[in-house]
Amino acid sequence: MTDLLYYRAARSWLIYLHHLDWREELEILKHECSEILFAMEIDDLRGAGNARRQFLYMTLMRTSRYLENV
């Protein structure tokens, strides 16, 4: 079951990739990395996990908005 879901999600992701604004995505990635690094520097593992969770959520929301408009 997991393999089937992975391959279905991977196909959707490949379709989505060429529609990305890569400059914006790089800025988002830089911001995510800086937030996680800051949390790790102050030994806040929970904060690092929360930052990762939030950025993953935002990525899923951007993907969902794109797929709704296709």
PDB file of N, CA and C in Angstrom:
ATOM      1  N   MET A   1       0.816  -1.195   0.000  1.00  0.00           N
ATOM      2  CA  MET A   1       0.000   0.000   0.000  1.00  0.00           C
ATOM      3  C   MET A   1       0.863   1.262   0.000  1.00  0.00           C
ATOM      4  N   THR A   2       1.878   1.279   0.862  1.00  0.00           N
ATOM      5  CA  THR A   2       2.760   2.441   0.944  1.00  0.00           C
ATOM      6  C   THR A   2       3.451   2.695  -0.389  1.00  0.00           C
ATOM      7  N   ASP A   3       3.912   1.623  -1.044  1.00  0.00           N
ATOM      8  CA  ASP A   3       4.577   1.775  -2.340  1.00  0.00           C
ATOM      9  C   ASP A   3       3.635   2.376  -3.372  1.00  0.00           C
ATOM     10  N   LEU A   4       2.414   1.920  -3.397  1.00  0.00           N
ATOM     11  CA  LEU A   4       1.430   2.445  -4.351  1.00  0.00           C
ATOM     12  C   LEU A   4       1.196   3.938  -4.121  1.00  0.00           C
ATOM     13  N   LEU A   5       1.017   4.335  -2.870  1.00  0.00           N
ATOM     14  CA  LEU A   5       0.816   5.755  -2.563  1.00  0.00           C
ATOM     15  C   LEU A   5       2.038   6.579  -2.938  1.00  0.00           C
ATOM     16  N   TYR A   6       3.230   6.029  -2.696  1.00  0.00           N
ATOM     17  CA  TYR A   6       4.453   6.750  -3.055  1.00  0.00           C
ATOM     18  C   TYR A   6       4.502   7.014  -4.557  1.00  0.00           C
ATOM     19  N   TYR A   7       4.258   5.999  -5.362  1.00  0.00           N
ATOM     20  CA  TYR A   7       4.352   6.174  -6.811  1.00  0.00           C
ATOM     21  C   TYR A   7       3.272   7.106  -7.355  1.00  0.00           C
ATOM     22  N   ARG A   8       2.103   7.083  -6.761  1.00  0.00           N
ATOM     23  CA  ARG A   8       1.065   8.029  -7.189  1.00  0.00           C
ATOM     24  C   ARG A   8       1.452   9.462  -6.828  1.00  0.00           C
ATOM     25  N   ALA A   9       1.971   9.648  -5.626  1.00  0.00           N
ATOM     26  CA  ALA A   9       2.398  10.986  -5.204  1.00  0.00           C
ATOM     27  C   ALA A   9       3.586  11.458  -6.033  1.00  0.00           C
ATOM     28  N   ALA A  10       4.511  10.565  -6.342  1.00  0.00           N
ATOM     29  CA  ALA A  10       5.689  10.938  -7.130  1.00  0.00           C
ATOM     30  C   ALA A  10       5.282  11.419  -8.512  1.00  0.00           C
ATOM     31  N   ARG A  11       4.317  10.784  -9.133  1.00  0.00           N
ATOM     32  CA  ARG A  11       3.858  11.227 -10.457  1.00  0.00           C
ATOM     33  C   ARG A  11       3.260  12.624 -10.373  1.00  0.00           C
ATOM     34  N   SER A  12       2.451  12.884  -9.360  1.00  0.00           N
ATOM     35  CA  SER A  12       1.858  14.219  -9.199  1.00  0.00           C
ATOM     36  C   SER A  12       2.947  15.257  -8.988  1.00  0.00           C
ATOM     37  N   TRP A  13       3.944  14.915  -8.194  1.00  0.00           N
ATOM     38  CA  TRP A  13       5.028  15.841  -7.906  1.00  0.00           C
ATOM     39  C   TRP A  13       5.793  16.197  -9.183  1.00  0.00           C
ATOM     40  N   LEU A  14       6.064  15.208 -10.029  1.00  0.00           N
ATOM     41  CA  LEU A  14       6.797  15.471 -11.267  1.00  0.00           C
ATOM     42  C   LEU A  14       6.018  16.390 -12.202  1.00  0.00           C
ATOM     43  N   ILE A  15       4.714  16.265 -12.221  1.00  0.00           N
ATOM     44  CA  ILE A  15       3.879  17.149 -13.040  1.00  0.00           C
ATOM     45  C   ILE A  15       3.951  18.574 -12.500  1.00  0.00           C
ATOM     46  N   TYR A  16       3.996  18.708 -11.201  1.00  0.00           N
ATOM     47  CA  TYR A  16       3.987  20.005 -10.536  1.00  0.00           C
ATOM     48  C   TYR A  16       5.318  20.752 -10.672  1.00  0.00           C
ATOM     49  N   LEU A  17       6.424  20.025 -10.750  1.00  0.00           N
ATOM     50  CA  LEU A  17       7.753  20.625 -10.691  1.00  0.00           C
ATOM     51  C   LEU A  17       8.000  21.737 -11.696  1.00  0.00           C
ATOM     52  N   HIS A  18       7.612  21.550 -12.938  1.00  0.00           N
ATOM     53  CA  HIS A  18       7.955  22.569 -13.934  1.00  0.00           C
ATOM     54  C   HIS A  18       7.087  23.826 -13.831  1.00  0.00           C
ATOM     55  N   HIS A  19       6.095  23.824 -12.951  1.00  0.00           N
ATOM     56  CA  HIS A  19       5.259  25.007 -12.740  1.00  0.00           C
ATOM     57  C   HIS A  19       5.722  25.849 -11.546  1.00  0.00           C
ATOM     58  N   LEU A  20       6.768  25.409 -10.886  1.00  0.00           N
ATOM     59  CA  LEU A  20       7.235  26.121  -9.695  1.00  0.00           C
ATOM     60  C   LEU A  20       7.955  27.414 -10.050  1.00  0.00           C
ATOM     61  N   ASP A  21       7.843  28.374  -9.173  1.00  0.00           N
ATOM     62  CA  ASP A  21       8.667  29.581  -9.233  1.00  0.00           C
ATOM     63  C   ASP A  21       9.920  29.243  -8.418  1.00  0.00           C
ATOM     64  N   TRP A  22      10.979  28.859  -9.110  1.00  0.00           N
ATOM     65  CA  TRP A  22      12.156  28.333  -8.430  1.00  0.00           C
ATOM     66  C   TRP A  22      12.844  29.360  -7.551  1.00  0.00           C
ATOM     67  N   ARG A  23      12.804  30.629  -7.917  1.00  0.00           N
ATOM     68  CA  ARG A  23      13.404  31.657  -7.048  1.00  0.00           C
ATOM     69  C   ARG A  23      12.645  31.717  -5.713  1.00  0.00           C
ATOM     70  N   GLU A  24      11.331  31.698  -5.809  1.00  0.00           N
ATOM     71  CA  GLU A  24      10.527  31.719  -4.582  1.00  0.00           C
ATOM     72  C   GLU A  24      10.775  30.462  -3.751  1.00  0.00           C
ATOM     73  N   GLU A  25      10.835  29.310  -4.400  1.00  0.00           N
ATOM     74  CA  GLU A  25      11.062  28.059  -3.672  1.00  0.00           C
ATOM     75  C   GLU A  25      12.425  28.057  -2.983  1.00  0.00           C
ATOM     76  N   LEU A  26      13.431  28.618  -3.626  1.00  0.00           N
ATOM     77  CA  LEU A  26      14.749  28.690  -2.996  1.00  0.00           C
ATOM     78  C   LEU A  26      14.736  29.624  -1.787  1.00  0.00           C
ATOM     79  N   GLU A  27      14.013  30.726  -1.889  1.00  0.00           N
ATOM     80  CA  GLU A  27      13.896  31.633  -0.745  1.00  0.00           C
ATOM     81  C   GLU A  27      13.191  30.938   0.421  1.00  0.00           C
ATOM     82  N   ILE A  28      12.154  30.191   0.119  1.00  0.00           N
ATOM     83  CA  ILE A  28      11.429  29.456   1.162  1.00  0.00           C
ATOM     84  C   ILE A  28      12.355  28.430   1.808  1.00  0.00           C
ATOM     85  N   LEU A  29      13.130  27.722   0.993  1.00  0.00           N
ATOM     86  CA  LEU A  29      14.066  26.719   1.509  1.00  0.00           C
ATOM     87  C   LEU A  29      15.144  27.368   2.381  1.00  0.00           C
ATOM     88  N   LYS A  30      15.670  28.507   1.942  1.00  0.00           N
ATOM     89  CA  LYS A  30      16.677  29.210   2.749  1.00  0.00           C
ATOM     90  C   LYS A  30      16.091  29.623   4.098  1.00  0.00           C
ATOM     91  N   HIS A  31      14.857  30.112   4.081  1.00  0.00           N
ATOM     92  CA  HIS A  31      14.201  30.525   5.321  1.00  0.00           C
ATOM     93  C   HIS A  31      13.983  29.320   6.236  1.00  0.00           C
ATOM     94  N   GLU A  32      13.547  28.213   5.655  1.00  0.00           N
ATOM     95  CA  GLU A  32      13.335  26.996   6.438  1.00  0.00           C
ATOM     96  C   GLU A  32      14.640  26.546   7.085  1.00  0.00           C
ATOM     97  N   CYS A  33      15.708  26.497   6.304  1.00  0.00           N
ATOM     98  CA  CYS A  33      17.000  26.060   6.841  1.00  0.00           C
ATOM     99  C   CYS A  33      17.482  26.975   7.951  1.00  0.00           C
ATOM    100  N   SER A  34      17.295  28.282   7.782  1.00  0.00           N
ATOM    101  CA  SER A  34      17.750  29.208   8.826  1.00  0.00           C
ATOM    102  C   SER A  34      16.936  29.045  10.111  1.00  0.00           C
ATOM    103  N   GLU A  35      15.637  28.799   9.981  1.00  0.00           N
ATOM    104  CA  GLU A  35      14.803  28.591  11.177  1.00  0.00           C
ATOM    105  C   GLU A  35      15.208  27.318  11.910  1.00  0.00           C
ATOM    106  N   ILE A  36      15.441  26.253  11.166  1.00  0.00           N
ATOM    107  CA  ILE A  36      15.833  24.983  11.785  1.00  0.00           C
ATOM    108  C   ILE A  36      17.215  25.107  12.416  1.00  0.00           C
ATOM    109  N   LEU A  37      18.139  25.749  11.710  1.00  0.00           N
ATOM    110  CA  LEU A  37      19.488  25.934  12.241  1.00  0.00           C
ATOM    111  C   LEU A  37      19.465  26.758  13.522  1.00  0.00           C
ATOM    112  N   PHE A  38      18.678  27.825  13.544  1.00  0.00           N
ATOM    113  CA  PHE A  38      18.564  28.645  14.748  1.00  0.00           C
ATOM    114  C   PHE A  38      18.057  27.807  15.927  1.00  0.00           C
ATOM    115  N   ALA A  39      17.027  27.021  15.685  1.00  0.00           N
ATOM    116  CA  ALA A  39      16.484  26.176  16.757  1.00  0.00           C
ATOM    117  C   ALA A  39      17.534  25.185  17.257  1.00  0.00           C
ATOM    118  N   MET A  40      18.305  24.634  16.338  1.00  0.00           N
ATOM    119  CA  MET A  40      19.338  23.678  16.747  1.00  0.00           C
ATOM    120  C   MET A  40      20.463  24.365  17.518  1.00  0.00           C
ATOM    121  N   GLU A  41      20.802  25.596  17.126  1.00  0.00           N
ATOM    122  CA  GLU A  41      21.870  26.328  17.815  1.00  0.00           C
ATOM    123  C   GLU A  41      21.510  26.619  19.267  1.00  0.00           C
ATOM    124  N   ILE A  42      20.240  26.775  19.556  1.00  0.00           N
ATOM    125  CA  ILE A  42      19.825  27.036  20.935  1.00  0.00           C
ATOM    126  C   ILE A  42      19.311  25.757  21.616  1.00  0.00           C
ATOM    127  N   ASP A  43      19.658  24.609  21.004  1.00  0.00           N
ATOM    128  CA  ASP A  43      19.297  23.298  21.553  1.00  0.00           C
ATOM    129  C   ASP A  43      17.790  23.119  21.734  1.00  0.00           C
ATOM    130  N   ASP A  44      17.037  23.617  20.779  1.00  0.00           N
ATOM    131  CA  ASP A  44      15.577  23.508  20.822  1.00  0.00           C
ATOM    132  C   ASP A  44      15.130  22.496  19.764  1.00  0.00           C
ATOM    133  N   LEU A  45      15.217  21.226  20.118  1.00  0.00           N
ATOM    134  CA  LEU A  45      14.852  20.174  19.178  1.00  0.00           C
ATOM    135  C   LEU A  45      13.377  20.236  18.806  1.00  0.00           C
ATOM    136  N   ARG A  46      12.550  20.529  19.770  1.00  0.00           N
ATOM    137  CA  ARG A  46      11.119  20.662  19.497  1.00  0.00           C
ATOM    138  C   ARG A  46      10.865  21.815  18.524  1.00  0.00           C
ATOM    139  N   GLY A  47      11.562  22.936  18.701  1.00  0.00           N
ATOM    140  CA  GLY A  47      11.431  24.069  17.792  1.00  0.00           C
ATOM    141  C   GLY A  47      11.870  23.709  16.378  1.00  0.00           C
ATOM    142  N   ALA A  48      12.943  22.934  16.264  1.00  0.00           N
ATOM    143  CA  ALA A  48      13.409  22.495  14.940  1.00  0.00           C
ATOM    144  C   ALA A  48      12.345  21.629  14.276  1.00  0.00           C
ATOM    145  N   GLY A  49      11.767  20.723  15.046  1.00  0.00           N
ATOM    146  CA  GLY A  49      10.702  19.872  14.511  1.00  0.00           C
ATOM    147  C   GLY A  49       9.469  20.671  14.119  1.00  0.00           C
ATOM    148  N   ASN A  50       9.114  21.658  14.945  1.00  0.00           N
ATOM    149  CA  ASN A  50       7.959  22.506  14.627  1.00  0.00           C
ATOM    150  C   ASN A  50       8.195  23.328  13.369  1.00  0.00           C
ATOM    151  N   ALA A  51       9.421  23.840  13.204  1.00  0.00           N
ATOM    152  CA  ALA A  51       9.745  24.610  11.995  1.00  0.00           C
ATOM    153  C   ALA A  51       9.630  23.709  10.771  1.00  0.00           C
ATOM    154  N   ARG A  52      10.169  22.500  10.871  1.00  0.00           N
ATOM    155  CA  ARG A  52      10.101  21.562   9.745  1.00  0.00           C
ATOM    156  C   ARG A  52       8.651  21.231   9.419  1.00  0.00           C
ATOM    157  N   ARG A  53       7.853  20.990  10.453  1.00  0.00           N
ATOM    158  CA  ARG A  53       6.445  20.670  10.253  1.00  0.00           C
ATOM    159  C   ARG A  53       5.716  21.815   9.561  1.00  0.00           C
ATOM    160  N   GLN A  54       5.978  23.043   9.995  1.00  0.00           N
ATOM    161  CA  GLN A  54       5.307  24.210   9.423  1.00  0.00           C
ATOM    162  C   GLN A  54       5.675  24.399   7.952  1.00  0.00           C
ATOM    163  N   PHE A  55       6.947  24.244   7.624  1.00  0.00           N
ATOM    164  CA  PHE A  55       7.356  24.418   6.235  1.00  0.00           C
ATOM    165  C   PHE A  55       6.827  23.289   5.349  1.00  0.00           C
ATOM    166  N   LEU A  56       6.743  22.084   5.899  1.00  0.00           N
ATOM    167  CA  LEU A  56       6.150  20.981   5.149  1.00  0.00           C
ATOM    168  C   LEU A  56       4.675  21.266   4.885  1.00  0.00           C
ATOM    169  N   TYR A  57       3.975  21.757   5.880  1.00  0.00           N
ATOM    170  CA  TYR A  57       2.570  22.122   5.725  1.00  0.00           C
ATOM    171  C   TYR A  57       2.398  23.177   4.628  1.00  0.00           C
ATOM    172  N   MET A  58       3.261  24.204   4.651  1.00  0.00           N
ATOM    173  CA  MET A  58       3.159  25.259   3.634  1.00  0.00           C
ATOM    174  C   MET A  58       3.422  24.696   2.229  1.00  0.00           C
ATOM    175  N   THR A  59       4.357  23.769   2.125  1.00  0.00           N
ATOM    176  CA  THR A  59       4.635  23.136   0.832  1.00  0.00           C
ATOM    177  C   THR A  59       3.416  22.367   0.347  1.00  0.00           C
ATOM    178  N   LEU A  60       2.792  21.626   1.240  1.00  0.00           N
ATOM    179  CA  LEU A  60       1.595  20.871   0.866  1.00  0.00           C
ATOM    180  C   LEU A  60       0.453  21.797   0.466  1.00  0.00           C
ATOM    181  N   MET A  61       0.325  22.919   1.147  1.00  0.00           N
ATOM    182  CA  MET A  61      -0.727  23.877   0.793  1.00  0.00           C
ATOM    183  C   MET A  61      -0.480  24.492  -0.587  1.00  0.00           C
ATOM    184  N   ARG A  62       0.782  24.844  -0.880  1.00  0.00           N
ATOM    185  CA  ARG A  62       1.091  25.389  -2.212  1.00  0.00           C
ATOM    186  C   ARG A  62       0.805  24.357  -3.293  1.00  0.00           C
ATOM    187  N   THR A  63       1.167  23.112  -3.030  1.00  0.00           N
ATOM    188  CA  THR A  63       0.913  22.039  -3.990  1.00  0.00           C
ATOM    189  C   THR A  63      -0.586  21.838  -4.175  1.00  0.00           C
ATOM    190  N   SER A  64      -1.333  21.835  -3.093  1.00  0.00           N
ATOM    191  CA  SER A  64      -2.788  21.656  -3.170  1.00  0.00           C
ATOM    192  C   SER A  64      -3.452  22.770  -3.966  1.00  0.00           C
ATOM    193  N   ARG A  65      -3.024  24.021  -3.725  1.00  0.00           N
ATOM    194  CA  ARG A  65      -3.601  25.149  -4.479  1.00  0.00           C
ATOM    195  C   ARG A  65      -3.317  24.992  -5.979  1.00  0.00           C
ATOM    196  N   TYR A  66      -2.113  24.548  -6.308  1.00  0.00           N
ATOM    197  CA  TYR A  66      -1.790  24.339  -7.720  1.00  0.00           C
ATOM    198  C   TYR A  66      -2.695  23.252  -8.304  1.00  0.00           C
ATOM    199  N   LEU A  67      -2.809  22.133  -7.613  1.00  0.00           N
ATOM    200  CA  LEU A  67      -3.582  21.005  -8.136  1.00  0.00           C
ATOM    201  C   LEU A  67      -5.073  21.345  -8.265  1.00  0.00           C
ATOM    202  N   GLU A  68      -5.581  22.213  -7.411  1.00  0.00           N
ATOM    203  CA  GLU A  68      -6.975  22.637  -7.500  1.00  0.00           C
ATOM    204  C   GLU A  68      -7.240  23.450  -8.759  1.00  0.00           C
ATOM    205  N   ASN A  69      -6.229  24.142  -9.245  1.00  0.00           N
ATOM    206  CA  ASN A  69      -6.386  25.019 -10.395  1.00  0.00           C
ATOM    207  C   ASN A  69      -5.976  24.386 -11.711  1.00  0.00           C
ATOM    208  N   VAL A  70      -5.579  23.141 -11.687  1.00  0.00           N
ATOM    209  CA  VAL A  70      -5.146  22.458 -12.918  1.00  0.00           C
ATOM    210  C   VAL A  70      -6.358  22.008 -13.700  1.00  0.00           C
TER     211      VAL A  70
END
